[in-house]
Amino acid sequence: MALRIPSGTRDVLPEEMRTLRRIERVLLDTFLAEGYGEVSTPAVEYEDTLRAAETGLGTAYRVLDDQGELLALRSDMTVPIARVVATRYAQAEPPLRFCYSASAYRAVRPHRGQMREFLQAGVELFGVPGPAGVAEVLTVLTRALEATGLREFRIGLGDARIFPSLMEAYAVPHDARARLLAELTSRDLAGLDRELAALSLDDNARQVLSAVPRTRGGVEVLDAPPGPLGEAVGALRETFSLLPPEVASRVILDLGRAPRLGYYTGQV
């Protein structure tokens, strides 16, 4: 019998493990120095917790416990830490800052090059809303990556509200919005164009809705004329104004970012 491991998983041998541990330690040391406290959460959560957060349970691994309750392996760390804040820090004065390094699990299609099990390291900031909070996290992220020795890196930044706000402004029929967002989330821009072509929209609306997901670059992409797009990128413009120059130079704006996880409702 061949001794195999599931596709989308891998063994990590000593030499690589030493490198991973070094990177992990550098990242956590940077997060701690920036005022973020390290937390650890269970690898399994009650499915109801993840469902309440609308995290896309289609990618979750599930198992029944001995009481018949449905559990799910965490697919990222944001929801478990939000649960910790809601249950253990409900009376705490914000802001709250947490960091982590842990494995997460997703039932993805490994033939696409995605991993079923992967490491995540990051920070969660609670109680600093809007652009100020995003600017802080981007600054911490930049310092952490630089501390690992990376030099030529860029950080993508978008806003999950841009495309929905444009669909609202251009009166896209409600029954078509979910289809358009599905094409955008999967980055099928040809499919997005087909959906747009089938709708009764004026040429300007169709052109903007097609062009925005393809728009990437520096601060110049925020120089939108007055109108729906100019209003939609306002929060990104404010965030950029708060970034130190050495952080702003690392950021690439991507107006078509549409994350799959449902709790991302702002800048991402």
Protein backbone atom coordinates (compact mmCIF):
# COMPACT_ATOMS: atom_id res chain seq x y z
CA MET A 1 0.00 0.00 0.00
CA ALA A 2 1.36 3.40 -1.01
CA LEU A 3 1.70 5.84 1.86
CA ARG A 4 0.22 9.06 0.53
CA ILE A 5 -0.88 12.44 1.82
CA PRO A 6 -4.00 14.25 0.58
CA SER A 7 -3.58 16.49 -2.44
CA GLY A 8 -3.30 20.12 -1.46
CA THR A 9 -1.18 19.27 1.59
CA ARG A 10 2.56 18.82 2.02
CA ASP A 11 5.26 17.68 4.41
CA VAL A 12 7.75 20.30 5.59
CA LEU A 13 11.25 18.96 6.18
CA PRO A 14 13.83 20.32 8.66
CA GLU A 15 15.69 22.81 6.44
CA GLU A 16 12.52 24.48 5.19
CA MET A 17 10.98 24.27 8.65
CA ARG A 18 13.88 26.25 10.09
CA THR A 19 13.29 28.95 7.49
CA LEU A 20 9.55 29.01 8.16
CA ARG A 21 10.09 29.31 11.91
CA ARG A 22 12.55 32.16 11.40
CA ILE A 23 10.09 34.06 9.21
CA GLU A 24 7.25 33.36 11.64
CA ARG A 25 9.33 34.65 14.57
CA VAL A 26 10.32 37.82 12.71
CA LEU A 27 6.70 38.52 11.76
CA LEU A 28 5.38 37.95 15.28
CA ASP A 29 8.18 40.00 16.84
CA THR A 30 7.26 42.89 14.54
CA PHE A 31 3.56 42.59 15.34
CA LEU A 32 4.31 42.53 19.07
CA ALA A 33 6.59 45.57 18.78
CA GLU A 34 3.72 47.43 17.09
CA GLY A 35 1.44 46.75 20.06
CA TYR A 36 -0.44 43.67 18.85
CA GLY A 37 -0.94 40.81 21.33
CA GLU A 38 -0.60 37.22 20.14
CA VAL A 39 -3.64 34.95 20.45
CA SER A 40 -4.36 31.31 19.63
CA THR A 41 -7.78 29.81 18.90
CA PRO A 42 -9.06 26.25 18.35
CA ALA A 43 -8.62 24.79 14.88
CA VAL A 44 -12.31 23.81 14.97
CA GLU A 45 -15.27 26.11 15.54
CA TYR A 46 -18.98 25.47 15.74
CA GLU A 47 -20.35 25.77 12.24
CA ASP A 48 -22.98 28.21 13.48
CA THR A 49 -20.20 30.66 14.40
CA LEU A 50 -18.79 30.59 10.89
CA ARG A 51 -22.24 30.68 9.32
CA ALA A 52 -23.12 33.84 11.27
CA ALA A 53 -20.07 35.50 9.75
CA GLU A 54 -21.08 34.54 6.19
CA THR A 55 -17.63 33.19 5.47
CA GLY A 56 -18.48 30.93 2.55
CA LEU A 57 -18.98 27.59 4.27
CA GLY A 58 -18.76 25.80 0.95
CA THR A 59 -14.99 25.59 1.48
CA ALA A 60 -15.15 24.36 5.09
CA TYR A 61 -14.26 20.87 6.31
CA ARG A 62 -17.02 19.63 8.62
CA VAL A 63 -17.28 16.94 11.28
CA LEU A 64 -19.89 15.91 13.86
CA ASP A 65 -18.77 15.86 17.48
CA ASP A 66 -19.92 13.26 20.02
CA GLN A 67 -22.91 15.44 20.92
CA GLY A 68 -24.10 15.57 17.33
CA GLU A 69 -23.12 19.22 16.84
CA LEU A 70 -21.59 20.26 13.56
CA LEU A 71 -18.02 21.56 13.74
CA ALA A 72 -15.91 23.11 11.00
CA LEU A 73 -12.18 23.60 10.60
CA ARG A 74 -11.33 27.30 10.49
CA SER A 75 -10.80 28.61 6.97
CA ASP A 76 -8.99 31.71 8.20
CA MET A 77 -8.26 33.48 11.49
CA THR A 78 -10.43 36.59 11.26
CA VAL A 79 -13.71 35.01 12.37
CA PRO A 80 -12.22 33.07 15.33
CA ILE A 81 -10.55 36.24 16.61
CA ALA A 82 -13.78 38.20 16.16
CA ARG A 83 -15.46 35.53 18.30
CA VAL A 84 -12.77 35.98 20.96
CA VAL A 85 -13.41 39.73 21.00
CA ALA A 86 -17.19 39.25 21.23
CA THR A 87 -16.99 36.73 24.08
CA ARG A 88 -13.85 37.67 26.04
CA TYR A 89 -13.47 41.41 25.40
CA ALA A 90 -17.07 42.58 25.18
CA GLN A 91 -16.51 45.21 27.89
CA ALA A 92 -12.98 46.20 26.85
CA GLU A 93 -12.21 49.71 25.69
CA PRO A 94 -11.16 49.88 22.04
CA PRO A 95 -8.93 49.82 20.19
CA LEU A 96 -8.00 46.14 20.49
CA ARG A 97 -4.99 44.73 18.65
CA PHE A 98 -4.28 41.03 18.11
CA CYS A 99 -1.82 39.02 16.03
CA TYR A 100 -1.49 35.35 15.14
CA SER A 101 0.35 32.70 13.19
CA ALA A 102 -1.61 29.50 12.61
CA SER A 103 -2.77 26.95 10.07
CA ALA A 104 -6.07 27.29 8.24
CA TYR A 105 -7.96 24.78 6.11
CA ARG A 106 -10.12 25.02 2.99
CA ALA A 107 -11.78 22.37 0.85
CA VAL A 108 -10.51 23.86 -2.40
CA ARG A 109 -9.61 22.27 -5.72
CA PRO A 110 -5.92 21.37 -5.42
CA HIS A 111 -5.49 21.00 -9.20
CA ARG A 112 -5.76 24.80 -9.34
CA GLY A 113 -2.61 25.05 -7.25
CA GLN A 114 -4.47 25.93 -4.07
CA MET A 115 -3.59 24.37 -0.74
CA ARG A 116 -6.08 22.66 1.57
CA GLU A 117 -3.88 23.48 4.57
CA PHE A 118 -1.80 26.64 4.74
CA LEU A 119 -0.14 28.97 7.23
CA GLN A 120 -1.55 32.41 7.98
CA ALA A 121 0.17 35.17 9.91
CA GLY A 122 -1.40 38.56 10.41
CA VAL A 123 -3.02 41.16 12.62
CA GLU A 124 -6.58 42.11 13.53
CA LEU A 125 -7.43 45.66 14.60
CA PHE A 126 -10.75 46.41 16.32
CA GLY A 127 -12.13 49.84 17.14
CA VAL A 128 -10.20 52.00 14.67
CA PRO A 129 -12.72 52.35 11.86
CA GLY A 130 -12.28 53.45 8.29
CA PRO A 131 -9.15 54.78 6.60
CA ALA A 132 -7.23 55.34 9.85
CA GLY A 133 -7.45 51.64 10.72
CA VAL A 134 -6.54 50.52 7.21
CA ALA A 135 -3.55 52.87 7.17
CA GLU A 136 -2.29 51.46 10.48
CA VAL A 137 -2.57 47.86 9.31
CA LEU A 138 -0.83 48.63 6.01
CA THR A 139 2.00 50.28 7.92
CA VAL A 140 2.40 47.28 10.24
CA LEU A 141 2.29 44.89 7.28
CA THR A 142 4.95 46.84 5.41
CA ARG A 143 7.28 46.87 8.41
CA ALA A 144 6.74 43.15 9.02
CA LEU A 145 7.54 42.18 5.43
CA GLU A 146 10.61 44.40 5.38
CA ALA A 147 11.78 42.78 8.63
CA THR A 148 11.80 39.36 6.93
CA GLY A 149 14.29 40.69 4.39
CA LEU A 150 11.90 41.24 1.49
CA ARG A 151 12.74 44.28 -0.60
CA GLU A 152 10.87 44.14 -3.90
CA PHE A 153 7.28 43.64 -2.77
CA ARG A 154 3.97 45.37 -3.32
CA ILE A 155 0.72 45.30 -1.35
CA GLY A 156 -2.60 45.20 -3.20
CA LEU A 157 -5.40 47.39 -1.84
CA GLY A 158 -8.97 47.73 -3.00
CA ASP A 159 -12.42 48.33 -1.60
CA ALA A 160 -15.19 45.73 -1.70
CA ARG A 161 -17.78 48.54 -1.75
CA ILE A 162 -16.71 50.07 -5.06
CA PHE A 163 -18.41 47.74 -7.52
CA PRO A 164 -21.67 47.37 -5.52
CA SER A 165 -21.89 51.15 -5.16
CA LEU A 166 -21.40 51.58 -8.90
CA MET A 167 -24.11 49.02 -9.64
CA GLU A 168 -26.43 50.97 -7.37
CA ALA A 169 -25.50 54.31 -8.95
CA TYR A 170 -26.07 52.98 -12.47
CA ALA A 171 -29.33 51.23 -11.52
CA VAL A 172 -28.18 47.74 -12.46
CA PRO A 173 -31.20 45.41 -12.05
CA HIS A 174 -31.09 43.69 -8.67
CA ASP A 175 -31.45 40.21 -10.18
CA ALA A 176 -28.26 40.78 -12.21
CA ARG A 177 -26.03 42.10 -9.41
CA ALA A 178 -25.22 38.72 -7.88
CA ARG A 179 -24.20 37.36 -11.30
CA LEU A 180 -21.92 40.32 -11.95
CA LEU A 181 -20.31 39.99 -8.52
CA ALA A 182 -19.78 36.25 -9.06
CA GLU A 183 -17.89 36.96 -12.30
CA LEU A 184 -15.85 39.66 -10.58
CA THR A 185 -15.02 37.46 -7.59
CA SER A 186 -13.79 34.68 -9.86
CA ARG A 187 -11.86 37.27 -11.93
CA ASP A 188 -13.66 36.16 -15.08
CA LEU A 189 -13.65 39.57 -16.74
CA ALA A 190 -14.76 38.15 -20.08
CA GLY A 191 -17.77 36.66 -18.30
CA LEU A 192 -18.39 40.02 -16.63
CA ASP A 193 -18.44 41.72 -20.03
CA ARG A 194 -20.91 39.14 -21.35
CA GLU A 195 -23.23 39.79 -18.42
CA LEU A 196 -22.94 43.55 -18.91
CA ALA A 197 -23.66 43.25 -22.64
CA ALA A 198 -26.93 41.45 -21.85
CA LEU A 199 -28.19 44.32 -19.67
CA SER A 200 -30.06 47.43 -20.75
CA LEU A 201 -27.50 49.98 -19.60
CA ASP A 202 -26.30 53.18 -21.22
CA ASP A 203 -22.88 53.08 -22.84
CA ASN A 204 -21.17 55.10 -20.10
CA ALA A 205 -22.42 52.81 -17.34
CA ARG A 206 -21.36 49.70 -19.23
CA GLN A 207 -17.94 51.19 -19.96
CA VAL A 208 -17.30 52.15 -16.33
CA LEU A 209 -18.48 48.80 -14.95
CA SER A 210 -16.20 47.00 -17.41
CA ALA A 211 -13.17 49.25 -16.92
CA VAL A 212 -13.09 49.55 -13.12
CA PRO A 213 -12.25 45.86 -12.43
CA ARG A 214 -9.30 46.23 -14.81
CA THR A 215 -7.95 49.37 -13.13
CA ARG A 216 -4.73 48.98 -11.15
CA GLY A 217 -1.87 51.29 -10.31
CA GLY A 218 -0.67 53.95 -7.92
CA VAL A 219 -2.44 56.93 -6.47
CA GLU A 220 -3.13 58.20 -9.99
CA VAL A 221 -5.99 55.68 -10.38
CA LEU A 222 -7.88 57.64 -7.70
CA ASP A 223 -8.03 60.75 -9.89
CA ALA A 224 -11.55 59.93 -11.01
CA PRO A 225 -13.81 62.72 -12.29
CA PRO A 226 -16.83 63.80 -10.23
CA GLY A 227 -19.59 61.22 -10.35
CA PRO A 228 -20.26 57.68 -9.10
CA LEU A 229 -16.68 56.46 -9.48
CA GLY A 230 -15.19 59.55 -7.85
CA GLU A 231 -17.45 59.02 -4.85
CA ALA A 232 -16.74 55.27 -4.71
CA VAL A 233 -12.96 55.71 -4.38
CA GLY A 234 -13.21 58.40 -1.70
CA ALA A 235 -12.25 56.08 1.18
CA LEU A 236 -9.20 54.78 -0.69
CA ARG A 237 -8.14 58.35 -1.39
CA GLU A 238 -8.37 59.19 2.31
CA THR A 239 -6.42 56.08 3.30
CA PHE A 240 -3.65 56.94 0.87
CA SER A 241 -3.39 60.43 2.35
CA LEU A 242 -2.69 58.89 5.79
CA LEU A 243 0.11 56.54 4.69
CA PRO A 244 3.77 57.35 5.34
CA PRO A 245 5.59 57.79 2.01
CA GLU A 246 7.60 54.59 2.49
CA VAL A 247 4.35 52.65 2.87
CA ALA A 248 2.42 54.42 0.11
CA SER A 249 5.19 53.55 -2.35
CA ARG A 250 4.53 49.85 -1.67
CA VAL A 251 0.78 49.96 -2.35
CA ILE A 252 -0.82 49.02 -5.65
CA LEU A 253 -4.46 50.00 -5.88
CA ASP A 254 -6.75 47.40 -7.44
CA LEU A 255 -10.26 48.75 -7.96
CA GLY A 256 -11.53 45.30 -8.97
CA ARG A 257 -10.73 43.48 -5.73
CA ALA A 258 -13.75 41.41 -4.69
CA PRO A 259 -12.82 38.88 -1.97
CA ARG A 260 -14.75 35.64 -1.65
CA LEU A 261 -15.19 35.84 2.11
CA GLY A 262 -18.44 37.61 2.90
CA TYR A 263 -17.28 39.62 5.91
CA TYR A 264 -15.02 41.82 3.77
CA THR A 265 -17.26 44.84 3.27
CA GLY A 266 -14.73 47.68 3.10
CA GLN A 267 -11.12 48.16 2.11
CA VAL A 268 -9.24 44.93 1.54
